[in-house]
Amino acid sequence: MTRETVTAKQASVGAPGIVVHRNADVLAKAVAARIITRLVDAQSAKGSASLVLTGGTVGIATLAAIAATPARDAVDWRRLDIWWGDERFLPAGDKERNETGARDALLDHVDVDPGRVHVMRGPDSGMTAEESAESYAAELRAAARPEDHGPVPGFDVMLLGMGPDAHVASLFPGMPALYDTRPVVAVHGSPKPPPTRISLTLPAIRAAREVWVVAAGAEKAGAVHLALSASGPVQVPAAGARGRQRTLFLLDRAAAGKIPPELGRLASP
């Protein structure tokens, strides 16, 4: 197979690209290489870059793969803004927080500017979940530029994991947050523990220049199929995760197992 063969459907405006890798380990390393390349290109063009992180097994493995490669030094980490798509409403340092996993895997190993690492605050901040969401929304507004045309920066890359139920960030099927037009919301009653979370909403996700949905494992195959079909985002949140300029579904073979042939794919060895 060729490394990347773009179908006519995928080349059309707004159609997600699909890239399939052999297994989850290869997937994490390939996504890491893509991130480095994209950040270097953005910094060369604009002087700085922005990256939205996700948690989960593949998300954290991707960050660890960045930390492990010498190519990471091509990124000027001091000129990078780091955000999160969602966070568990837990105290700073809790091992279940996405921030903690990101620091352990990557951020503690590169020279980031602490003032450009934008964390979602937990209960130890003295804030309620609603106040934390409002605080993060204010931080996003402060970072947005006139060319972004809205209250959220035009992130260069937004990484999103996806659950077997097709949730992205902490936007779960059928929940009120999927109808919310604010950029950040508090989520209560999450079907996955912990029950309280902070999440970007679909309008904030769609503000990103590029959205990359990363998924591995056969248990994700049905959700991938639905997300790439003509499904509505209320029942299939991943179907609403689209970038302004580009959307990629970066998958391992198991997660890609139910993609209809007519959707095509970008294949890798």
C-alpha atoms as a PDB file:
ATOM      1  CA  MET A   1       0.000   0.000   0.000  1.00  0.00           C
ATOM      2  CA  THR A   2       1.103   3.532  -0.590  1.00  0.00           C
ATOM      3  CA  ARG A   3       1.685   5.701   2.436  1.00  0.00           C
ATOM      4  CA  GLU A   4      -1.077   8.164   1.599  1.00  0.00           C
ATOM      5  CA  THR A   5      -3.505   7.850  -1.294  1.00  0.00           C
ATOM      6  CA  VAL A   6      -6.223  10.483  -1.135  1.00  0.00           C
ATOM      7  CA  THR A   7      -9.617   9.512  -2.504  1.00  0.00           C
ATOM      8  CA  ALA A   8     -11.728  12.078  -4.332  1.00  0.00           C
ATOM      9  CA  LYS A   9     -14.209  12.063  -1.455  1.00  0.00           C
ATOM     10  CA  GLN A  10     -11.478  12.822   1.077  1.00  0.00           C
ATOM     11  CA  ALA A  11     -10.048  15.571  -1.091  1.00  0.00           C
ATOM     12  CA  SER A  12     -13.365  17.417  -1.074  1.00  0.00           C
ATOM     13  CA  VAL A  13     -13.863  20.340   1.276  1.00  0.00           C
ATOM     14  CA  GLY A  14     -14.939  19.279   4.768  1.00  0.00           C
ATOM     15  CA  ALA A  15     -14.648  15.533   4.250  1.00  0.00           C
ATOM     16  CA  PRO A  16     -12.570  13.872   6.981  1.00  0.00           C
ATOM     17  CA  GLY A  17      -9.372  12.167   5.948  1.00  0.00           C
ATOM     18  CA  ILE A  18      -8.783   8.642   7.237  1.00  0.00           C
ATOM     19  CA  VAL A  19      -5.333   7.300   8.047  1.00  0.00           C
ATOM     20  CA  VAL A  20      -4.954   3.715   9.221  1.00  0.00           C
ATOM     21  CA  HIS A  21      -1.866   2.342  10.971  1.00  0.00           C
ATOM     22  CA  ARG A  22      -0.919  -1.210  11.796  1.00  0.00           C
ATOM     23  CA  ASN A  23      -1.493  -1.135  15.553  1.00  0.00           C
ATOM     24  CA  ALA A  24      -1.865   1.240  18.496  1.00  0.00           C
ATOM     25  CA  ASP A  25       1.876   1.581  19.094  1.00  0.00           C
ATOM     26  CA  VAL A  26       2.575   2.550  15.483  1.00  0.00           C
ATOM     27  CA  LEU A  27      -0.429   4.866  15.589  1.00  0.00           C
ATOM     28  CA  ALA A  28       0.891   6.758  18.629  1.00  0.00           C
ATOM     29  CA  LYS A  29       4.320   7.198  17.052  1.00  0.00           C
ATOM     30  CA  ALA A  30       2.840   8.327  13.741  1.00  0.00           C
ATOM     31  CA  VAL A  31       0.560  10.868  15.408  1.00  0.00           C
ATOM     32  CA  ALA A  32       3.551  12.150  17.392  1.00  0.00           C
ATOM     33  CA  ALA A  33       5.465  12.715  14.154  1.00  0.00           C
ATOM     34  CA  ARG A  34       2.478  14.512  12.615  1.00  0.00           C
ATOM     35  CA  ILE A  35       2.179  16.801  15.632  1.00  0.00           C
ATOM     36  CA  ILE A  36       5.836  17.776  15.526  1.00  0.00           C
ATOM     37  CA  THR A  37       5.645  18.535  11.808  1.00  0.00           C
ATOM     38  CA  ARG A  38       2.444  20.559  12.172  1.00  0.00           C
ATOM     39  CA  LEU A  39       3.757  22.607  15.103  1.00  0.00           C
ATOM     40  CA  VAL A  40       7.042  23.365  13.347  1.00  0.00           C
ATOM     41  CA  ASP A  41       5.152  24.488  10.238  1.00  0.00           C
ATOM     42  CA  ALA A  42       2.823  26.705  12.287  1.00  0.00           C
ATOM     43  CA  GLN A  43       5.704  28.287  14.194  1.00  0.00           C
ATOM     44  CA  SER A  44       7.587  28.922  10.972  1.00  0.00           C
ATOM     45  CA  ALA A  45       4.542  30.649   9.497  1.00  0.00           C
ATOM     46  CA  LYS A  46       3.275  32.588  12.515  1.00  0.00           C
ATOM     47  CA  GLY A  47       5.986  32.562  15.159  1.00  0.00           C
ATOM     48  CA  SER A  48       3.916  30.498  17.587  1.00  0.00           C
ATOM     49  CA  ALA A  49       1.535  27.540  17.640  1.00  0.00           C
ATOM     50  CA  SER A  50      -1.302  26.100  19.686  1.00  0.00           C
ATOM     51  CA  LEU A  51      -2.127  22.499  20.555  1.00  0.00           C
ATOM     52  CA  VAL A  52      -5.152  21.051  22.338  1.00  0.00           C
ATOM     53  CA  LEU A  53      -4.398  17.848  24.243  1.00  0.00           C
ATOM     54  CA  THR A  54      -6.528  14.864  25.103  1.00  0.00           C
ATOM     55  CA  GLY A  55      -6.185  12.072  27.642  1.00  0.00           C
ATOM     56  CA  GLY A  56      -6.794   8.366  27.219  1.00  0.00           C
ATOM     57  CA  THR A  57      -4.401   5.544  26.450  1.00  0.00           C
ATOM     58  CA  VAL A  58      -3.495   6.562  22.897  1.00  0.00           C
ATOM     59  CA  GLY A  59      -3.481  10.274  23.710  1.00  0.00           C
ATOM     60  CA  ILE A  60      -0.943   9.860  26.501  1.00  0.00           C
ATOM     61  CA  ALA A  61       1.063   7.309  24.466  1.00  0.00           C
ATOM     62  CA  THR A  62       1.310   9.915  21.708  1.00  0.00           C
ATOM     63  CA  LEU A  63       2.738  12.477  24.129  1.00  0.00           C
ATOM     64  CA  ALA A  64       5.226   9.916  25.422  1.00  0.00           C
ATOM     65  CA  ALA A  65       6.266   9.194  21.828  1.00  0.00           C
ATOM     66  CA  ILE A  66       6.922  12.907  21.279  1.00  0.00           C
ATOM     67  CA  ALA A  67       9.080  12.995  24.405  1.00  0.00           C
ATOM     68  CA  ALA A  68      11.034   9.936  23.242  1.00  0.00           C
ATOM     69  CA  THR A  69      12.033  11.215  19.805  1.00  0.00           C
ATOM     70  CA  PRO A  70      14.956  13.596  19.189  1.00  0.00           C
ATOM     71  CA  ALA A  71      12.724  15.313  16.604  1.00  0.00           C
ATOM     72  CA  ARG A  72      10.880  16.971  19.498  1.00  0.00           C
ATOM     73  CA  ASP A  73      13.716  19.517  19.613  1.00  0.00           C
ATOM     74  CA  ALA A  74      12.513  20.935  16.292  1.00  0.00           C
ATOM     75  CA  VAL A  75       9.592  22.474  18.200  1.00  0.00           C
ATOM     76  CA  ASP A  76      10.169  25.728  20.043  1.00  0.00           C
ATOM     77  CA  TRP A  77       8.304  24.702  23.180  1.00  0.00           C
ATOM     78  CA  ARG A  78       8.488  28.206  24.647  1.00  0.00           C
ATOM     79  CA  ARG A  79       6.362  29.467  21.748  1.00  0.00           C
ATOM     80  CA  LEU A  80       3.610  26.889  22.122  1.00  0.00           C
ATOM     81  CA  ASP A  81       0.228  27.380  23.786  1.00  0.00           C
ATOM     82  CA  ILE A  82      -1.121  24.170  25.282  1.00  0.00           C
ATOM     83  CA  TRP A  83      -4.826  23.689  26.012  1.00  0.00           C
ATOM     84  CA  TRP A  84      -7.070  20.783  26.936  1.00  0.00           C
ATOM     85  CA  GLY A  85     -10.290  19.607  25.336  1.00  0.00           C
ATOM     86  CA  ASP A  86     -11.632  18.375  28.651  1.00  0.00           C
ATOM     87  CA  GLU A  87     -10.620  17.623  32.197  1.00  0.00           C
ATOM     88  CA  ARG A  88     -11.839  15.579  35.113  1.00  0.00           C
ATOM     89  CA  PHE A  89     -12.909  17.923  37.918  1.00  0.00           C
ATOM     90  CA  LEU A  90     -10.337  16.631  40.378  1.00  0.00           C
ATOM     91  CA  PRO A  91      -7.564  18.326  42.412  1.00  0.00           C
ATOM     92  CA  ALA A  92      -4.282  19.281  40.749  1.00  0.00           C
ATOM     93  CA  GLY A  93      -1.898  16.342  40.692  1.00  0.00           C
ATOM     94  CA  ASP A  94      -4.616  13.687  40.823  1.00  0.00           C
ATOM     95  CA  LYS A  95      -3.471  10.773  38.678  1.00  0.00           C
ATOM     96  CA  GLU A  96      -6.847  10.692  36.889  1.00  0.00           C
ATOM     97  CA  ARG A  97      -6.489  14.227  35.531  1.00  0.00           C
ATOM     98  CA  ASN A  98      -5.554  14.591  31.871  1.00  0.00           C
ATOM     99  CA  GLU A  99      -3.134  17.331  32.908  1.00  0.00           C
ATOM    100  CA  THR A 100      -1.254  14.965  35.224  1.00  0.00           C
ATOM    101  CA  GLY A 101      -0.860  12.377  32.483  1.00  0.00           C
ATOM    102  CA  ALA A 102       0.325  15.009  30.012  1.00  0.00           C
ATOM    103  CA  ARG A 103       2.889  16.385  32.443  1.00  0.00           C
ATOM    104  CA  ASP A 104       4.236  12.934  33.244  1.00  0.00           C
ATOM    105  CA  ALA A 105       4.403  11.886  29.583  1.00  0.00           C
ATOM    106  CA  LEU A 106       5.696  15.086  27.949  1.00  0.00           C
ATOM    107  CA  LEU A 107       5.332  18.503  29.529  1.00  0.00           C
ATOM    108  CA  ASP A 108       7.779  17.867  32.383  1.00  0.00           C
ATOM    109  CA  HIS A 109      10.395  16.809  29.803  1.00  0.00           C
ATOM    110  CA  VAL A 110      10.343  19.843  27.497  1.00  0.00           C
ATOM    111  CA  ASP A 111      10.956  23.545  28.073  1.00  0.00           C
ATOM    112  CA  VAL A 112       7.379  24.802  28.018  1.00  0.00           C
ATOM    113  CA  ASP A 113       6.458  28.290  29.187  1.00  0.00           C
ATOM    114  CA  PRO A 114       4.304  27.705  32.306  1.00  0.00           C
ATOM    115  CA  GLY A 115       2.270  30.782  31.435  1.00  0.00           C
ATOM    116  CA  ARG A 116       1.247  29.174  28.134  1.00  0.00           C
ATOM    117  CA  VAL A 117       0.064  25.889  29.655  1.00  0.00           C
ATOM    118  CA  HIS A 118      -3.661  26.522  30.110  1.00  0.00           C
ATOM    119  CA  VAL A 119      -5.095  24.064  32.630  1.00  0.00           C
ATOM    120  CA  MET A 120      -8.719  23.572  33.621  1.00  0.00           C
ATOM    121  CA  ARG A 121      -8.983  24.217  37.353  1.00  0.00           C
ATOM    122  CA  GLY A 122     -10.172  21.592  39.821  1.00  0.00           C
ATOM    123  CA  PRO A 123     -11.988  21.833  43.151  1.00  0.00           C
ATOM    124  CA  ASP A 124      -8.751  22.648  44.998  1.00  0.00           C
ATOM    125  CA  SER A 125      -8.868  26.049  43.273  1.00  0.00           C
ATOM    126  CA  GLY A 126     -11.924  26.942  45.352  1.00  0.00           C
ATOM    127  CA  MET A 127     -14.040  27.075  42.197  1.00  0.00           C
ATOM    128  CA  THR A 128     -17.171  25.127  41.439  1.00  0.00           C
ATOM    129  CA  ALA A 129     -17.227  23.216  38.165  1.00  0.00           C
ATOM    130  CA  GLU A 130     -19.327  25.985  36.628  1.00  0.00           C
ATOM    131  CA  GLU A 131     -16.870  28.632  37.781  1.00  0.00           C
ATOM    132  CA  SER A 132     -13.971  26.605  36.403  1.00  0.00           C
ATOM    133  CA  ALA A 133     -15.706  26.384  33.028  1.00  0.00           C
ATOM    134  CA  GLU A 134     -16.375  30.133  33.022  1.00  0.00           C
ATOM    135  CA  SER A 135     -12.752  30.830  33.966  1.00  0.00           C
ATOM    136  CA  TYR A 136     -11.477  28.681  31.095  1.00  0.00           C
ATOM    137  CA  ALA A 137     -13.861  30.367  28.674  1.00  0.00           C
ATOM    138  CA  ALA A 138     -12.470  33.741  29.772  1.00  0.00           C
ATOM    139  CA  GLU A 139      -8.938  32.476  29.160  1.00  0.00           C
ATOM    140  CA  LEU A 140      -9.924  31.336  25.680  1.00  0.00           C
ATOM    141  CA  ARG A 141     -11.503  34.721  24.915  1.00  0.00           C
ATOM    142  CA  ALA A 142      -8.342  36.496  26.031  1.00  0.00           C
ATOM    143  CA  ALA A 143      -6.237  34.355  23.692  1.00  0.00           C
ATOM    144  CA  ALA A 144      -8.515  34.711  20.650  1.00  0.00           C
ATOM    145  CA  ARG A 145      -7.347  37.058  17.907  1.00  0.00           C
ATOM    146  CA  PRO A 146      -9.495  39.178  15.571  1.00  0.00           C
ATOM    147  CA  GLU A 147      -8.884  36.751  12.728  1.00  0.00           C
ATOM    148  CA  ASP A 148     -10.406  33.939  14.799  1.00  0.00           C
ATOM    149  CA  HIS A 149     -13.849  35.599  14.474  1.00  0.00           C
ATOM    150  CA  GLY A 150     -15.102  34.293  17.793  1.00  0.00           C
ATOM    151  CA  PRO A 151     -14.452  33.683  21.502  1.00  0.00           C
ATOM    152  CA  VAL A 152     -12.038  30.792  20.944  1.00  0.00           C
ATOM    153  CA  PRO A 153      -8.544  30.741  19.401  1.00  0.00           C
ATOM    154  CA  GLY A 154      -8.145  29.020  16.053  1.00  0.00           C
ATOM    155  CA  PHE A 155      -6.101  26.144  17.483  1.00  0.00           C
ATOM    156  CA  ASP A 156      -3.544  24.749  15.064  1.00  0.00           C
ATOM    157  CA  VAL A 157      -4.258  21.165  16.120  1.00  0.00           C
ATOM    158  CA  MET A 158      -6.907  19.724  18.402  1.00  0.00           C
ATOM    159  CA  LEU A 159      -6.362  16.135  19.461  1.00  0.00           C
ATOM    160  CA  LEU A 160      -9.467  14.209  20.442  1.00  0.00           C
ATOM    161  CA  GLY A 161      -9.805  10.678  21.690  1.00  0.00           C
ATOM    162  CA  MET A 162     -13.041   8.835  21.099  1.00  0.00           C
ATOM    163  CA  GLY A 163     -14.894   6.343  23.266  1.00  0.00           C
ATOM    164  CA  PRO A 164     -16.782   3.219  22.168  1.00  0.00           C
ATOM    165  CA  ASP A 165     -19.955   5.306  22.577  1.00  0.00           C
ATOM    166  CA  ALA A 166     -18.502   7.902  20.144  1.00  0.00           C
ATOM    167  CA  HIS A 167     -18.002  10.537  22.834  1.00  0.00           C
ATOM    168  CA  VAL A 168     -15.256  13.119  22.342  1.00  0.00           C
ATOM    169  CA  ALA A 169     -13.806  15.368  25.052  1.00  0.00           C
ATOM    170  CA  SER A 170     -16.462  14.986  27.797  1.00  0.00           C
ATOM    171  CA  LEU A 171     -19.363  15.289  25.369  1.00  0.00           C
ATOM    172  CA  PHE A 172     -21.372  12.107  25.841  1.00  0.00           C
ATOM    173  CA  PRO A 173     -24.294  11.016  23.628  1.00  0.00           C
ATOM    174  CA  GLY A 174     -27.595  12.707  24.400  1.00  0.00           C
ATOM    175  CA  MET A 175     -26.277  14.933  27.185  1.00  0.00           C
ATOM    176  CA  PRO A 176     -27.198  18.640  27.518  1.00  0.00           C
ATOM    177  CA  ALA A 177     -23.659  19.831  26.801  1.00  0.00           C
ATOM    178  CA  LEU A 178     -24.145  18.863  23.154  1.00  0.00           C
ATOM    179  CA  TYR A 179     -26.752  21.588  22.775  1.00  0.00           C
ATOM    180  CA  ASP A 180     -24.689  24.256  24.539  1.00  0.00           C
ATOM    181  CA  THR A 181     -23.330  27.147  22.499  1.00  0.00           C
ATOM    182  CA  ARG A 182     -20.915  28.382  25.161  1.00  0.00           C
ATOM    183  CA  PRO A 183     -17.283  27.421  24.500  1.00  0.00           C
ATOM    184  CA  VAL A 184     -16.792  25.572  27.818  1.00  0.00           C
ATOM    185  CA  VAL A 185     -19.264  23.825  30.091  1.00  0.00           C
ATOM    186  CA  ALA A 186     -19.384  21.889  33.330  1.00  0.00           C
ATOM    187  CA  VAL A 187     -20.548  18.309  32.781  1.00  0.00           C
ATOM    188  CA  HIS A 188     -22.419  16.537  35.560  1.00  0.00           C
ATOM    189  CA  GLY A 189     -23.515  12.907  35.632  1.00  0.00           C
ATOM    190  CA  SER A 190     -20.867  11.652  33.226  1.00  0.00           C
ATOM    191  CA  PRO A 191     -21.436   7.960  32.384  1.00  0.00           C
ATOM    192  CA  LYS A 192     -17.711   7.472  32.948  1.00  0.00           C
ATOM    193  CA  PRO A 193     -16.147   8.295  36.319  1.00  0.00           C
ATOM    194  CA  PRO A 194     -15.593  10.811  37.685  1.00  0.00           C
ATOM    195  CA  PRO A 195     -19.102  12.201  37.196  1.00  0.00           C
ATOM    196  CA  THR A 196     -18.076  15.879  37.108  1.00  0.00           C
ATOM    197  CA  ARG A 197     -15.917  17.222  34.309  1.00  0.00           C
ATOM    198  CA  ILE A 198     -15.084  20.373  32.343  1.00  0.00           C
ATOM    199  CA  SER A 199     -15.312  20.215  28.560  1.00  0.00           C
ATOM    200  CA  LEU A 200     -15.033  22.270  25.427  1.00  0.00           C
ATOM    201  CA  THR A 201     -18.275  22.235  23.469  1.00  0.00           C
ATOM    202  CA  LEU A 202     -18.754  21.430  19.801  1.00  0.00           C
ATOM    203  CA  PRO A 203     -18.596  25.118  18.753  1.00  0.00           C
ATOM    204  CA  ALA A 204     -15.199  25.428  20.461  1.00  0.00           C
ATOM    205  CA  ILE A 205     -13.979  22.216  18.861  1.00  0.00           C
ATOM    206  CA  ARG A 206     -15.055  23.463  15.448  1.00  0.00           C
ATOM    207  CA  ALA A 207     -13.008  26.629  15.937  1.00  0.00           C
ATOM    208  CA  ALA A 208      -9.805  24.591  15.524  1.00  0.00           C
ATOM    209  CA  ARG A 209      -8.007  24.780  12.219  1.00  0.00           C
ATOM    210  CA  GLU A 210      -7.391  21.029  12.346  1.00  0.00           C
ATOM    211  CA  VAL A 211      -9.203  18.387  14.388  1.00  0.00           C
ATOM    212  CA  TRP A 212      -7.561  14.974  14.701  1.00  0.00           C
ATOM    213  CA  VAL A 213      -9.686  12.169  16.138  1.00  0.00           C
ATOM    214  CA  VAL A 214      -7.381   9.396  17.357  1.00  0.00           C
ATOM    215  CA  ALA A 215      -8.756   5.929  18.133  1.00  0.00           C
ATOM    216  CA  ALA A 216      -7.411   2.409  18.578  1.00  0.00           C
ATOM    217  CA  GLY A 217      -9.003  -0.941  19.310  1.00  0.00           C
ATOM    218  CA  ALA A 218     -11.818  -3.067  17.909  1.00  0.00           C
ATOM    219  CA  GLU A 219     -14.197  -1.727  20.570  1.00  0.00           C
ATOM    220  CA  LYS A 220     -14.033   1.656  18.789  1.00  0.00           C
ATOM    221  CA  ALA A 221     -14.836   0.299  15.304  1.00  0.00           C
ATOM    222  CA  GLY A 222     -18.593   0.815  15.529  1.00  0.00           C
ATOM    223  CA  ALA A 223     -18.180   4.356  16.805  1.00  0.00           C
ATOM    224  CA  VAL A 224     -15.721   5.175  14.018  1.00  0.00           C
ATOM    225  CA  HIS A 225     -18.203   3.905  11.451  1.00  0.00           C
ATOM    226  CA  LEU A 226     -20.996   6.071  12.891  1.00  0.00           C
ATOM    227  CA  ALA A 227     -18.772   9.141  13.201  1.00  0.00           C
ATOM    228  CA  LEU A 228     -17.843   8.933   9.520  1.00  0.00           C
ATOM    229  CA  SER A 229     -21.399   8.246   8.350  1.00  0.00           C
ATOM    230  CA  ALA A 230     -24.289  10.668   8.160  1.00  0.00           C
ATOM    231  CA  SER A 231     -24.922  10.583  11.904  1.00  0.00           C
ATOM    232  CA  GLY A 232     -26.112  13.457  14.063  1.00  0.00           C
ATOM    233  CA  PRO A 233     -23.770  14.822  16.755  1.00  0.00           C
ATOM    234  CA  VAL A 234     -26.312  14.578  19.586  1.00  0.00           C
ATOM    235  CA  GLN A 235     -26.246  10.781  19.474  1.00  0.00           C
ATOM    236  CA  VAL A 236     -22.772  10.496  17.893  1.00  0.00           C
ATOM    237  CA  PRO A 237     -20.706  13.402  19.256  1.00  0.00           C
ATOM    238  CA  ALA A 238     -17.637  12.459  17.198  1.00  0.00           C
ATOM    239  CA  ALA A 239     -19.707  13.126  14.079  1.00  0.00           C
ATOM    240  CA  GLY A 240     -19.706  16.786  15.083  1.00  0.00           C
ATOM    241  CA  ALA A 241     -15.955  17.022  15.651  1.00  0.00           C
ATOM    242  CA  ARG A 242     -14.745  18.817  12.549  1.00  0.00           C
ATOM    243  CA  GLY A 243     -11.947  21.300  11.929  1.00  0.00           C
ATOM    244  CA  ARG A 244     -12.292  24.535   9.982  1.00  0.00           C
ATOM    245  CA  GLN A 245      -9.575  23.558   7.521  1.00  0.00           C
ATOM    246  CA  ARG A 246      -9.001  19.845   8.023  1.00  0.00           C
ATOM    247  CA  THR A 247     -10.328  16.830   9.899  1.00  0.00           C
ATOM    248  CA  LEU A 248      -8.407  13.588  10.267  1.00  0.00           C
ATOM    249  CA  PHE A 249      -9.412  10.259  11.742  1.00  0.00           C
ATOM    250  CA  LEU A 250      -6.136   8.612  12.780  1.00  0.00           C
ATOM    251  CA  LEU A 251      -6.795   4.962  13.515  1.00  0.00           C
ATOM    252  CA  ASP A 252      -5.275   1.554  13.990  1.00  0.00           C
ATOM    253  CA  ARG A 253      -6.514  -1.332  11.861  1.00  0.00           C
ATOM    254  CA  ALA A 254      -8.819  -2.650  14.573  1.00  0.00           C
ATOM    255  CA  ALA A 255     -10.602   0.693  14.999  1.00  0.00           C
ATOM    256  CA  ALA A 256     -10.928   1.015  11.218  1.00  0.00           C
ATOM    257  CA  GLY A 257     -12.469  -2.430  10.862  1.00  0.00           C
ATOM    258  CA  LYS A 258     -16.030  -1.276  10.106  1.00  0.00           C
ATOM    259  CA  ILE A 259     -15.353   1.684   7.818  1.00  0.00           C
ATOM    260  CA  PRO A 260     -17.497   1.269   4.676  1.00  0.00           C
ATOM    261  CA  PRO A 261     -15.336   0.790   1.558  1.00  0.00           C
ATOM    262  CA  GLU A 262     -16.991   3.733  -0.184  1.00  0.00           C
ATOM    263  CA  LEU A 263     -15.506   6.130   2.389  1.00  0.00           C
ATOM    264  CA  GLY A 264     -12.007   5.144   1.340  1.00  0.00           C
ATOM    265  CA  ARG A 265      -8.989   5.672   3.534  1.00  0.00           C
ATOM    266  CA  LEU A 266      -5.428   6.920   3.580  1.00  0.00           C
ATOM    267  CA  ALA A 267      -3.372   3.782   4.003  1.00  0.00           C
ATOM    268  CA  SER A 268      -0.025   3.312   5.692  1.00  0.00           C
ATOM    269  CA  PRO A 269       2.219   0.252   5.731  1.00  0.00           C
END
